[in-house]
């Protein structure tokens, strides 16, 4: 019986390790979503998209905006 109890103890350690790994992975995902949310609210992503777009929309001479985006 001693051997049976020793085997069950190792399973508890594995479950604790798996819980710690999954919890830290979920925490990392939540932090990443928080960073993305704040970046979207501050307009950082829109600024980067407009800055690095190869085809920005420009105002023509007569004041109209180009209809073609591509």
PDB file of N, CA and C in Angstrom:
ATOM      1  N   UNK A   1       0.798  -1.200   0.000  1.00  0.00           N
ATOM      2  CA  UNK A   1       0.000   0.000   0.000  1.00  0.00           C
ATOM      3  C   UNK A   1       0.843   1.268   0.000  1.00  0.00           C
ATOM      4  N   UNK A   2       2.003   1.188   0.532  1.00  0.00           N
ATOM      5  CA  UNK A   2       2.866   2.360   0.562  1.00  0.00           C
ATOM      6  C   UNK A   2       3.210   2.788  -0.861  1.00  0.00           C
ATOM      7  N   UNK A   3       3.432   1.830  -1.723  1.00  0.00           N
ATOM      8  CA  UNK A   3       3.757   2.144  -3.110  1.00  0.00           C
ATOM      9  C   UNK A   3       2.580   2.832  -3.808  1.00  0.00           C
ATOM     10  N   UNK A   4       1.351   2.411  -3.506  1.00  0.00           N
ATOM     11  CA  UNK A   4       0.168   3.012  -4.117  1.00  0.00           C
ATOM     12  C   UNK A   4       0.016   4.470  -3.693  1.00  0.00           C
ATOM     13  N   UNK A   5       0.226   4.784  -2.446  1.00  0.00           N
ATOM     14  CA  UNK A   5       0.110   6.160  -1.972  1.00  0.00           C
ATOM     15  C   UNK A   5       1.214   7.043  -2.540  1.00  0.00           C
ATOM     16  N   UNK A   6       2.386   6.501  -2.719  1.00  0.00           N
ATOM     17  CA  UNK A   6       3.481   7.291  -3.287  1.00  0.00           C
ATOM     18  C   UNK A   6       3.173   7.672  -4.729  1.00  0.00           C
ATOM     19  N   UNK A   7       2.511   6.787  -5.465  1.00  0.00           N
ATOM     20  CA  UNK A   7       2.144   7.101  -6.842  1.00  0.00           C
ATOM     21  C   UNK A   7       1.098   8.192  -6.931  1.00  0.00           C
ATOM     22  N   UNK A   8       0.181   8.222  -5.988  1.00  0.00           N
ATOM     23  CA  UNK A   8      -0.856   9.255  -5.991  1.00  0.00           C
ATOM     24  C   UNK A   8      -0.293  10.617  -5.612  1.00  0.00           C
ATOM     25  N   UNK A   9       0.714  10.646  -4.770  1.00  0.00           N
ATOM     26  CA  UNK A   9       1.311  11.920  -4.396  1.00  0.00           C
ATOM     27  C   UNK A   9       1.959  12.600  -5.609  1.00  0.00           C
ATOM     28  N   UNK A  10       2.562  11.839  -6.491  1.00  0.00           N
ATOM     29  CA  UNK A  10       3.201  12.439  -7.659  1.00  0.00           C
ATOM     30  C   UNK A  10       2.166  13.032  -8.607  1.00  0.00           C
ATOM     31  N   UNK A  11       0.968  12.485  -8.632  1.00  0.00           N
ATOM     32  CA  UNK A  11      -0.093  13.047  -9.471  1.00  0.00           C
ATOM     33  C   UNK A  11      -0.520  14.413  -8.961  1.00  0.00           C
ATOM     34  N   UNK A  12      -0.515  14.596  -7.644  1.00  0.00           N
ATOM     35  CA  UNK A  12      -0.889  15.898  -7.095  1.00  0.00           C
ATOM     36  C   UNK A  12       0.123  16.966  -7.490  1.00  0.00           C
ATOM     37  N   UNK A  13       1.373  16.610  -7.510  1.00  0.00           N
ATOM     38  CA  UNK A  13       2.394  17.564  -7.930  1.00  0.00           C
ATOM     39  C   UNK A  13       2.247  17.944  -9.392  1.00  0.00           C
ATOM     40  N   UNK A  14       1.889  16.988 -10.229  1.00  0.00           N
ATOM     41  CA  UNK A  14       1.696  17.270 -11.646  1.00  0.00           C
ATOM     42  C   UNK A  14       0.497  18.185 -11.845  1.00  0.00           C
ATOM     43  N   UNK A  15      -0.571  17.959 -11.109  1.00  0.00           N
ATOM     44  CA  UNK A  15      -1.756  18.807 -11.231  1.00  0.00           C
ATOM     45  C   UNK A  15      -1.449  20.233 -10.789  1.00  0.00           C
ATOM     46  N   UNK A  16      -0.662  20.376  -9.744  1.00  0.00           N
ATOM     47  CA  UNK A  16      -0.283  21.710  -9.275  1.00  0.00           C
ATOM     48  C   UNK A  16       0.563  22.425 -10.320  1.00  0.00           C
ATOM     49  N   UNK A  17       1.481  21.717 -10.924  1.00  0.00           N
ATOM     50  CA  UNK A  17       2.318  22.308 -11.963  1.00  0.00           C
ATOM     51  C   UNK A  17       1.482  22.712 -13.173  1.00  0.00           C
ATOM     52  N   UNK A  18       0.571  21.854 -13.589  1.00  0.00           N
ATOM     53  CA  UNK A  18      -0.290  22.185 -14.724  1.00  0.00           C
ATOM     54  C   UNK A  18      -1.167  23.391 -14.405  1.00  0.00           C
ATOM     55  N   UNK A  19      -1.691  23.454 -13.186  1.00  0.00           N
ATOM     56  CA  UNK A  19      -2.508  24.597 -12.773  1.00  0.00           C
ATOM     57  C   UNK A  19      -1.688  25.882 -12.823  1.00  0.00           C
ATOM     58  N   UNK A  20      -0.460  25.835 -12.345  1.00  0.00           N
ATOM     59  CA  UNK A  20       0.398  27.017 -12.360  1.00  0.00           C
ATOM     60  C   UNK A  20       0.716  27.451 -13.788  1.00  0.00           C
ATOM     61  N   UNK A  21       0.986  26.506 -14.672  1.00  0.00           N
ATOM     62  CA  UNK A  21       1.298  26.847 -16.066  1.00  0.00           C
ATOM     63  C   UNK A  21       0.097  27.437 -16.786  1.00  0.00           C
ATOM     64  N   UNK A  22      -1.071  26.832 -16.605  1.00  0.00           N
ATOM     65  CA  UNK A  22      -2.277  27.328 -17.270  1.00  0.00           C
ATOM     66  C   UNK A  22      -2.663  28.696 -16.720  1.00  0.00           C
ATOM     67  N   UNK A  23      -2.553  28.872 -15.410  1.00  0.00           N
ATOM     68  CA  UNK A  23      -2.889  30.162 -14.808  1.00  0.00           C
ATOM     69  C   UNK A  23      -1.962  31.264 -15.306  1.00  0.00           C
ATOM     70  N   UNK A  24      -0.674  30.990 -15.384  1.00  0.00           N
ATOM     71  CA  UNK A  24       0.257  32.009 -15.873  1.00  0.00           C
ATOM     72  C   UNK A  24       0.043  32.298 -17.357  1.00  0.00           C
ATOM     73  N   UNK A  25      -0.317  31.299 -18.144  1.00  0.00           N
ATOM     74  CA  UNK A  25      -0.594  31.531 -19.564  1.00  0.00           C
ATOM     75  C   UNK A  25      -1.847  32.384 -19.736  1.00  0.00           C
ATOM     76  N   UNK A  26      -2.890  32.100 -18.962  1.00  0.00           N
ATOM     77  CA  UNK A  26      -4.109  32.909 -19.042  1.00  0.00           C
ATOM     78  C   UNK A  26      -3.861  34.336 -18.567  1.00  0.00           C
ATOM     79  N   UNK A  27      -3.038  34.498 -17.552  1.00  0.00           N
ATOM     80  CA  UNK A  27      -2.693  35.831 -17.077  1.00  0.00           C
ATOM     81  C   UNK A  27      -1.938  36.610 -18.153  1.00  0.00           C
ATOM     82  N   UNK A  28      -1.041  35.951 -18.862  1.00  0.00           N
ATOM     83  CA  UNK A  28      -0.308  36.607 -19.948  1.00  0.00           C
ATOM     84  C   UNK A  28      -1.248  37.038 -21.069  1.00  0.00           C
ATOM     85  N   UNK A  29      -2.241  36.208 -21.382  1.00  0.00           N
ATOM     86  CA  UNK A  29      -3.216  36.558 -22.419  1.00  0.00           C
ATOM     87  C   UNK A  29      -4.051  37.750 -21.973  1.00  0.00           C
ATOM     88  N   UNK A  30      -4.483  37.774 -20.713  1.00  0.00           N
ATOM     89  CA  UNK A  30      -5.267  38.900 -20.207  1.00  0.00           C
ATOM     90  C   UNK A  30      -4.461  40.194 -20.207  1.00  0.00           C
ATOM     91  N   UNK A  31      -3.197  40.121 -19.857  1.00  0.00           N
ATOM     92  CA  UNK A  31      -2.346  41.313 -19.888  1.00  0.00           C
ATOM     93  C   UNK A  31      -2.173  41.803 -21.321  1.00  0.00           C
ATOM     94  N   UNK A  32      -1.995  40.887 -22.263  1.00  0.00           N
ATOM     95  CA  UNK A  32      -1.853  41.276 -23.672  1.00  0.00           C
ATOM     96  C   UNK A  32      -3.123  41.937 -24.187  1.00  0.00           C
ATOM     97  N   UNK A  33      -4.293  41.403 -23.813  1.00  0.00           N
ATOM     98  CA  UNK A  33      -5.550  42.036 -24.213  1.00  0.00           C
ATOM     99  C   UNK A  33      -5.682  43.427 -23.598  1.00  0.00           C
ATOM    100  N   UNK A  34      -5.246  43.596 -22.367  1.00  0.00           N
ATOM    101  CA  UNK A  34      -5.288  44.905 -21.729  1.00  0.00           C
ATOM    102  C   UNK A  34      -4.400  45.912 -22.433  1.00  0.00           C
ATOM    103  N   UNK A  35      -3.206  45.485 -22.825  1.00  0.00           N
ATOM    104  CA  UNK A  35      -2.290  46.369 -23.546  1.00  0.00           C
ATOM    105  C   UNK A  35      -2.882  46.745 -24.902  1.00  0.00           C
ATOM    106  N   UNK A  36      -3.466  45.768 -25.592  1.00  0.00           N
ATOM    107  CA  UNK A  36      -4.093  46.057 -26.890  1.00  0.00           C
ATOM    108  C   UNK A  36      -5.276  47.008 -26.730  1.00  0.00           C
ATOM    109  N   UNK A  37      -6.068  46.836 -25.669  1.00  0.00           N
ATOM    110  CA  UNK A  37      -7.218  47.706 -25.427  1.00  0.00           C
ATOM    111  C   UNK A  37      -6.767  49.144 -25.212  1.00  0.00           C
ATOM    112  N   UNK A  38      -5.734  49.331 -24.391  1.00  0.00           N
ATOM    113  CA  UNK A  38      -5.250  50.684 -24.145  1.00  0.00           C
ATOM    114  C   UNK A  38      -4.609  51.284 -25.390  1.00  0.00           C
ATOM    115  N   UNK A  39      -3.936  50.480 -26.183  1.00  0.00           N
ATOM    116  CA  UNK A  39      -3.340  50.984 -27.423  1.00  0.00           C
ATOM    117  C   UNK A  39      -4.424  51.407 -28.407  1.00  0.00           C
ATOM    118  N   UNK A  40      -5.513  50.658 -28.461  1.00  0.00           N
ATOM    119  CA  UNK A  40      -6.615  51.026 -29.354  1.00  0.00           C
ATOM    120  C   UNK A  40      -7.300  52.300 -28.879  1.00  0.00           C
ATOM    121  N   UNK A  41      -7.487  52.441 -27.576  1.00  0.00           N
ATOM    122  CA  UNK A  41      -8.140  53.636 -27.045  1.00  0.00           C
ATOM    123  C   UNK A  41      -7.310  54.889 -27.259  1.00  0.00           C
ATOM    124  N   UNK A  42      -6.003  54.769 -27.203  1.00  0.00           N
ATOM    125  CA  UNK A  42      -5.132  55.925 -27.382  1.00  0.00           C
ATOM    126  C   UNK A  42      -4.854  56.221 -28.854  1.00  0.00           C
ATOM    127  N   UNK A  43      -5.283  55.363 -29.754  1.00  0.00           N
ATOM    128  CA  UNK A  43      -5.093  55.594 -31.175  1.00  0.00           C
ATOM    129  C   UNK A  43      -3.713  55.234 -31.685  1.00  0.00           C
ATOM    130  N   UNK A  44      -2.959  54.489 -30.920  1.00  0.00           N
ATOM    131  CA  UNK A  44      -1.599  54.128 -31.321  1.00  0.00           C
ATOM    132  C   UNK A  44      -1.620  53.232 -32.550  1.00  0.00           C
ATOM    133  N   UNK A  45      -2.518  52.258 -32.569  1.00  0.00           N
ATOM    134  CA  UNK A  45      -2.569  51.327 -33.701  1.00  0.00           C
ATOM    135  C   UNK A  45      -2.999  52.027 -34.982  1.00  0.00           C
ATOM    136  N   UNK A  46      -3.937  52.955 -34.874  1.00  0.00           N
ATOM    137  CA  UNK A  46      -4.366  53.703 -36.060  1.00  0.00           C
ATOM    138  C   UNK A  46      -3.222  54.574 -36.563  1.00  0.00           C
ATOM    139  N   UNK A  47      -2.493  55.177 -35.639  1.00  0.00           N
ATOM    140  CA  UNK A  47      -1.353  56.005 -36.033  1.00  0.00           C
ATOM    141  C   UNK A  47      -0.301  55.169 -36.759  1.00  0.00           C
ATOM    142  N   UNK A  48       0.024  53.989 -36.224  1.00  0.00           N
ATOM    143  CA  UNK A  48       0.989  53.110 -36.885  1.00  0.00           C
ATOM    144  C   UNK A  48       0.483  52.657 -38.248  1.00  0.00           C
ATOM    145  N   UNK A  49      -0.795  52.351 -38.342  1.00  0.00           N
ATOM    146  CA  UNK A  49      -1.344  51.896 -39.621  1.00  0.00           C
ATOM    147  C   UNK A  49      -1.269  52.999 -40.667  1.00  0.00           C
ATOM    148  N   UNK A  50      -1.606  54.222 -40.278  1.00  0.00           N
ATOM    149  CA  UNK A  50      -1.542  55.327 -41.235  1.00  0.00           C
ATOM    150  C   UNK A  50      -0.104  55.697 -41.578  1.00  0.00           C
ATOM    151  N   UNK A  51       0.776  55.591 -40.602  1.00  0.00           N
ATOM    152  CA  UNK A  51       2.171  55.955 -40.837  1.00  0.00           C
ATOM    153  C   UNK A  51       2.862  54.989 -41.794  1.00  0.00           C
ATOM    154  N   UNK A  52       2.513  53.710 -41.705  1.00  0.00           N
ATOM    155  CA  UNK A  52       3.209  52.701 -42.498  1.00  0.00           C
ATOM    156  C   UNK A  52       2.417  52.223 -43.712  1.00  0.00           C
ATOM    157  N   UNK A  53       1.288  52.829 -43.976  1.00  0.00           N
ATOM    158  CA  UNK A  53       0.513  52.428 -45.149  1.00  0.00           C
ATOM    159  C   UNK A  53       1.211  52.940 -46.404  1.00  0.00           C
ATOM    160  N   UNK A  54       1.285  52.097 -47.398  1.00  0.00           N
ATOM    161  CA  UNK A  54       1.946  52.507 -48.635  1.00  0.00           C
ATOM    162  C   UNK A  54       1.013  53.305 -49.532  1.00  0.00           C
ATOM    163  N   UNK A  55      -0.245  53.317 -49.210  1.00  0.00           N
ATOM    164  CA  UNK A  55      -1.220  54.016 -50.052  1.00  0.00           C
ATOM    165  C   UNK A  55      -2.166  54.834 -49.172  1.00  0.00           C
ATOM    166  N   UNK A  56      -1.675  55.921 -48.633  1.00  0.00           N
ATOM    167  CA  UNK A  56      -2.527  56.775 -47.815  1.00  0.00           C
ATOM    168  C   UNK A  56      -3.535  57.495 -48.697  1.00  0.00           C
ATOM    169  N   UNK A  57      -4.644  57.852 -48.079  1.00  0.00           N
ATOM    170  CA  UNK A  57      -5.641  58.637 -48.810  1.00  0.00           C
ATOM    171  C   UNK A  57      -5.230  60.108 -48.721  1.00  0.00           C
ATOM    172  N   UNK A  58      -5.112  60.750 -49.865  1.00  0.00           N
ATOM    173  CA  UNK A  58      -4.695  62.145 -49.914  1.00  0.00           C
ATOM    174  C   UNK A  58      -5.851  63.010 -50.394  1.00  0.00           C
ATOM    175  N   UNK A  59      -5.846  64.244 -49.939  1.00  0.00           N
ATOM    176  CA  UNK A  59      -6.845  65.202 -50.411  1.00  0.00           C
ATOM    177  C   UNK A  59      -6.380  65.722 -51.764  1.00  0.00           C
ATOM    178  N   UNK A  60      -7.267  65.643 -52.736  1.00  0.00           N
ATOM    179  CA  UNK A  60      -6.930  66.111 -54.082  1.00  0.00           C
ATOM    180  C   UNK A  60      -6.991  67.638 -54.120  1.00  0.00           C
ATOM    181  N   UNK A  61      -6.637  68.210 -55.264  1.00  0.00           N
ATOM    182  CA  UNK A  61      -6.608  69.665 -55.407  1.00  0.00           C
ATOM    183  C   UNK A  61      -7.984  70.288 -55.238  1.00  0.00           C
ATOM    184  N   UNK A  62      -9.031  69.577 -55.675  1.00  0.00           N
ATOM    185  CA  UNK A  62     -10.370  70.156 -55.577  1.00  0.00           C
ATOM    186  C   UNK A  62     -11.030  69.860 -54.227  1.00  0.00           C
ATOM    187  N   UNK A  63     -10.328  69.266 -53.272  1.00  0.00           N
ATOM    188  CA  UNK A  63     -10.853  69.056 -51.929  1.00  0.00           C
ATOM    189  C   UNK A  63     -11.528  67.722 -51.717  1.00  0.00           C
ATOM    190  N   UNK A  64     -11.639  66.900 -52.741  1.00  0.00           N
ATOM    191  CA  UNK A  64     -12.263  65.589 -52.557  1.00  0.00           C
ATOM    192  C   UNK A  64     -11.221  64.579 -52.110  1.00  0.00           C
ATOM    193  N   UNK A  65     -11.678  63.577 -51.410  1.00  0.00           N
ATOM    194  CA  UNK A  65     -10.789  62.509 -50.953  1.00  0.00           C
ATOM    195  C   UNK A  65     -10.822  61.397 -51.983  1.00  0.00           C
ATOM    196  N   UNK A  66      -9.689  60.805 -52.229  1.00  0.00           N
ATOM    197  CA  UNK A  66      -9.599  59.723 -53.201  1.00  0.00           C
ATOM    198  C   UNK A  66     -10.508  58.576 -52.792  1.00  0.00           C
ATOM    199  N   UNK A  67     -11.288  58.074 -53.740  1.00  0.00           N
ATOM    200  CA  UNK A  67     -12.235  57.007 -53.460  1.00  0.00           C
ATOM    201  C   UNK A  67     -11.535  55.659 -53.429  1.00  0.00           C
ATOM    202  N   UNK A  68     -10.519  55.521 -54.234  1.00  0.00           N
ATOM    203  CA  UNK A  68      -9.815  54.243 -54.296  1.00  0.00           C
ATOM    204  C   UNK A  68      -8.859  54.109 -53.115  1.00  0.00           C
ATOM    205  N   UNK A  69      -8.945  53.021 -52.414  1.00  0.00           N
ATOM    206  CA  UNK A  69      -8.082  52.802 -51.251  1.00  0.00           C
ATOM    207  C   UNK A  69      -6.926  51.871 -51.573  1.00  0.00           C
ATOM    208  N   UNK A  70      -6.943  51.256 -52.710  1.00  0.00           N
ATOM    209  CA  UNK A  70      -5.906  50.274 -53.016  1.00  0.00           C
ATOM    210  C   UNK A  70      -5.041  50.744 -54.147  1.00  0.00           C
TER     211      UNK A  70
END
